[in-house]
């Protein structure tokens, strides 16, 4: 669990799903649906300024009965974005996801957006690490350690 989050990024596709700050909610949701993702990063002149998530759709658009075609993404996006760096550990990332109740964390390397880590990515990585450890212990117990 002390592995850097960079090791998880290496296992993922490098494609980031983004929208420009000028997009409306319908455009952002289309990107999310087309790519089967739960969030999009909102950029202004190539820089991260927010994130728009499924939760934002439900709480800030549907619940308030806003028109998705007429609502600018910057009106309903999450502006306080928690991020991690490539050297942040899986354990630190898991704690941030748990403590801040967020499911998506952009990964920044010196303010450069390089990836996105989700709670699902972390869960899969931990499950695989636990399975590998269990397999090694079983092998050792059975005398297959050579």
Protein backbone atom coordinates (compact mmCIF):
# COMPACT_ATOMS: atom_id res chain seq x y z
CA UNK A 1 0.00 0.00 0.00
CA UNK A 2 3.03 2.23 0.08
CA UNK A 3 3.20 2.07 -3.69
CA UNK A 4 2.88 5.41 -5.43
CA UNK A 5 -0.36 6.16 -7.25
CA UNK A 6 1.77 6.35 -10.42
CA UNK A 7 1.79 2.53 -10.41
CA UNK A 8 -2.02 2.55 -10.71
CA UNK A 9 -1.91 5.10 -13.52
CA UNK A 10 0.45 2.83 -15.44
CA UNK A 11 -2.26 0.14 -15.48
CA UNK A 12 -4.94 2.47 -16.85
CA UNK A 13 -5.63 3.94 -20.22
CA UNK A 14 -4.05 7.36 -20.45
CA UNK A 15 -7.18 8.95 -21.90
CA UNK A 16 -8.60 11.80 -19.83
CA UNK A 17 -12.18 12.94 -20.23
CA UNK A 18 -12.44 16.69 -20.16
CA UNK A 19 -14.72 19.53 -21.14
CA UNK A 20 -14.00 23.20 -21.57
CA UNK A 21 -15.45 25.65 -19.09
CA UNK A 22 -17.67 26.96 -21.91
CA UNK A 23 -19.56 23.63 -22.14
CA UNK A 24 -23.09 23.23 -20.90
CA UNK A 25 -24.35 20.40 -18.69
CA UNK A 26 -25.78 18.42 -21.62
CA UNK A 27 -22.43 18.45 -23.39
CA UNK A 28 -20.60 17.30 -20.27
CA UNK A 29 -23.11 14.52 -19.58
CA UNK A 30 -22.78 13.35 -23.19
CA UNK A 31 -19.00 13.01 -22.73
CA UNK A 32 -19.58 11.08 -19.50
CA UNK A 33 -22.15 8.76 -21.08
CA UNK A 34 -20.20 8.21 -24.30
CA UNK A 35 -17.13 7.18 -22.31
CA UNK A 36 -18.94 5.38 -19.47
CA UNK A 37 -17.25 7.53 -16.80
CA UNK A 38 -18.62 9.15 -13.67
CA UNK A 39 -16.90 12.50 -14.05
CA UNK A 40 -15.22 14.92 -16.42
CA UNK A 41 -12.47 17.37 -15.66
CA UNK A 42 -13.31 20.97 -16.45
CA UNK A 43 -10.53 22.94 -18.11
CA UNK A 44 -9.99 26.59 -18.83
CA UNK A 45 -7.18 27.29 -21.29
CA UNK A 46 -5.89 23.78 -20.62
CA UNK A 47 -5.76 24.16 -16.83
CA UNK A 48 -7.86 22.28 -14.27
CA UNK A 49 -10.49 24.54 -12.74
CA UNK A 50 -13.13 22.03 -11.65
CA UNK A 51 -14.65 18.61 -11.88
CA UNK A 52 -18.18 17.66 -12.88
CA UNK A 53 -19.52 14.42 -11.45
CA UNK A 54 -22.65 12.29 -11.40
CA UNK A 55 -23.30 13.68 -7.94
CA UNK A 56 -23.18 17.23 -9.36
CA UNK A 57 -25.77 16.22 -11.98
CA UNK A 58 -28.12 14.91 -9.31
CA UNK A 59 -27.65 17.57 -6.63
CA UNK A 60 -27.02 20.72 -8.65
CA UNK A 61 -28.96 20.12 -11.85
CA UNK A 62 -31.78 17.60 -11.40
CA UNK A 63 -32.67 18.51 -7.80
CA UNK A 64 -32.79 22.21 -8.65
CA UNK A 65 -34.64 21.60 -11.94
CA UNK A 66 -32.07 23.41 -14.08
CA UNK A 67 -32.21 23.08 -17.86
CA UNK A 68 -29.11 21.06 -18.83
CA UNK A 69 -28.85 22.73 -22.24
CA UNK A 70 -28.97 26.22 -20.76
CA UNK A 71 -26.84 25.64 -17.67
CA UNK A 72 -23.15 26.37 -18.03
CA UNK A 73 -20.85 23.77 -16.52
CA UNK A 74 -19.08 26.41 -14.41
CA UNK A 75 -22.37 27.10 -12.59
CA UNK A 76 -22.71 23.53 -11.30
CA UNK A 77 -19.23 21.97 -11.28
CA UNK A 78 -17.30 21.23 -8.11
CA UNK A 79 -14.75 24.00 -7.84
CA UNK A 80 -12.82 22.75 -4.84
CA UNK A 81 -11.06 19.81 -6.45
CA UNK A 82 -8.96 17.48 -4.36
CA UNK A 83 -5.96 16.20 -6.28
CA UNK A 84 -3.04 13.85 -5.76
CA UNK A 85 0.49 13.78 -7.11
CA UNK A 86 2.11 10.77 -8.82
CA UNK A 87 4.16 9.99 -5.71
CA UNK A 88 1.14 10.02 -3.38
CA UNK A 89 0.81 6.50 -1.96
CA UNK A 90 -2.16 4.25 -2.54
CA UNK A 91 -2.78 4.38 1.23
CA UNK A 92 -2.80 8.21 1.25
CA UNK A 93 -5.10 8.23 -1.79
CA UNK A 94 -7.51 5.79 -0.13
CA UNK A 95 -7.58 7.98 3.01
CA UNK A 96 -8.33 11.10 0.94
CA UNK A 97 -11.13 9.35 -0.95
CA UNK A 98 -12.62 8.13 2.33
CA UNK A 99 -12.18 11.34 4.32
CA UNK A 100 -13.42 13.70 1.59
CA UNK A 101 -16.16 11.40 0.25
CA UNK A 102 -14.96 11.80 -3.31
CA UNK A 103 -14.77 9.16 -5.98
CA UNK A 104 -12.49 10.81 -8.51
CA UNK A 105 -9.09 12.43 -7.97
CA UNK A 106 -7.19 14.17 -10.74
CA UNK A 107 -3.46 13.45 -10.67
CA UNK A 108 -1.27 16.51 -11.13
CA UNK A 109 2.46 16.56 -11.70
CA UNK A 110 3.60 20.12 -10.99
CA UNK A 111 0.22 21.56 -12.02
CA UNK A 112 0.18 19.41 -15.19
CA UNK A 113 -2.84 17.10 -15.41
CA UNK A 114 -1.54 13.58 -16.06
CA UNK A 115 -4.39 11.28 -15.08
CA UNK A 116 -7.43 10.47 -12.98
CA UNK A 117 -7.70 7.95 -10.16
CA UNK A 118 -11.09 6.68 -9.04
CA UNK A 119 -12.18 4.90 -5.89
CA UNK A 120 -12.73 1.86 -8.12
CA UNK A 121 -9.10 1.98 -9.30
CA UNK A 122 -7.88 2.00 -5.70
CA UNK A 123 -10.29 -0.77 -4.66
CA UNK A 124 -9.20 -3.00 -7.58
CA UNK A 125 -5.53 -2.41 -6.81
CA UNK A 126 -5.97 -3.24 -3.11
CA UNK A 127 -8.02 -6.36 -3.92
CA UNK A 128 -5.31 -7.54 -6.35
CA UNK A 129 -2.54 -6.83 -3.81
CA UNK A 130 -4.46 -8.78 -1.15
CA UNK A 131 -5.02 -11.69 -3.56
CA UNK A 132 -1.34 -11.79 -4.47
CA UNK A 133 -0.34 -11.80 -0.80
CA UNK A 134 -2.85 -14.57 0.00
CA UNK A 135 -1.55 -16.66 -2.92
CA UNK A 136 2.03 -16.22 -1.74
CA UNK A 137 1.11 -17.19 1.83
CA UNK A 138 -0.76 -20.29 0.61
CA UNK A 139 2.23 -21.26 -1.50
CA UNK A 140 4.56 -20.80 1.46
CA UNK A 141 2.33 -22.81 3.81
CA UNK A 142 2.17 -25.60 1.23
CA UNK A 143 5.97 -25.66 0.99
CA UNK A 144 6.13 -24.11 -2.49
CA UNK A 145 8.47 -21.26 -1.62
CA UNK A 146 11.46 -22.20 -3.71
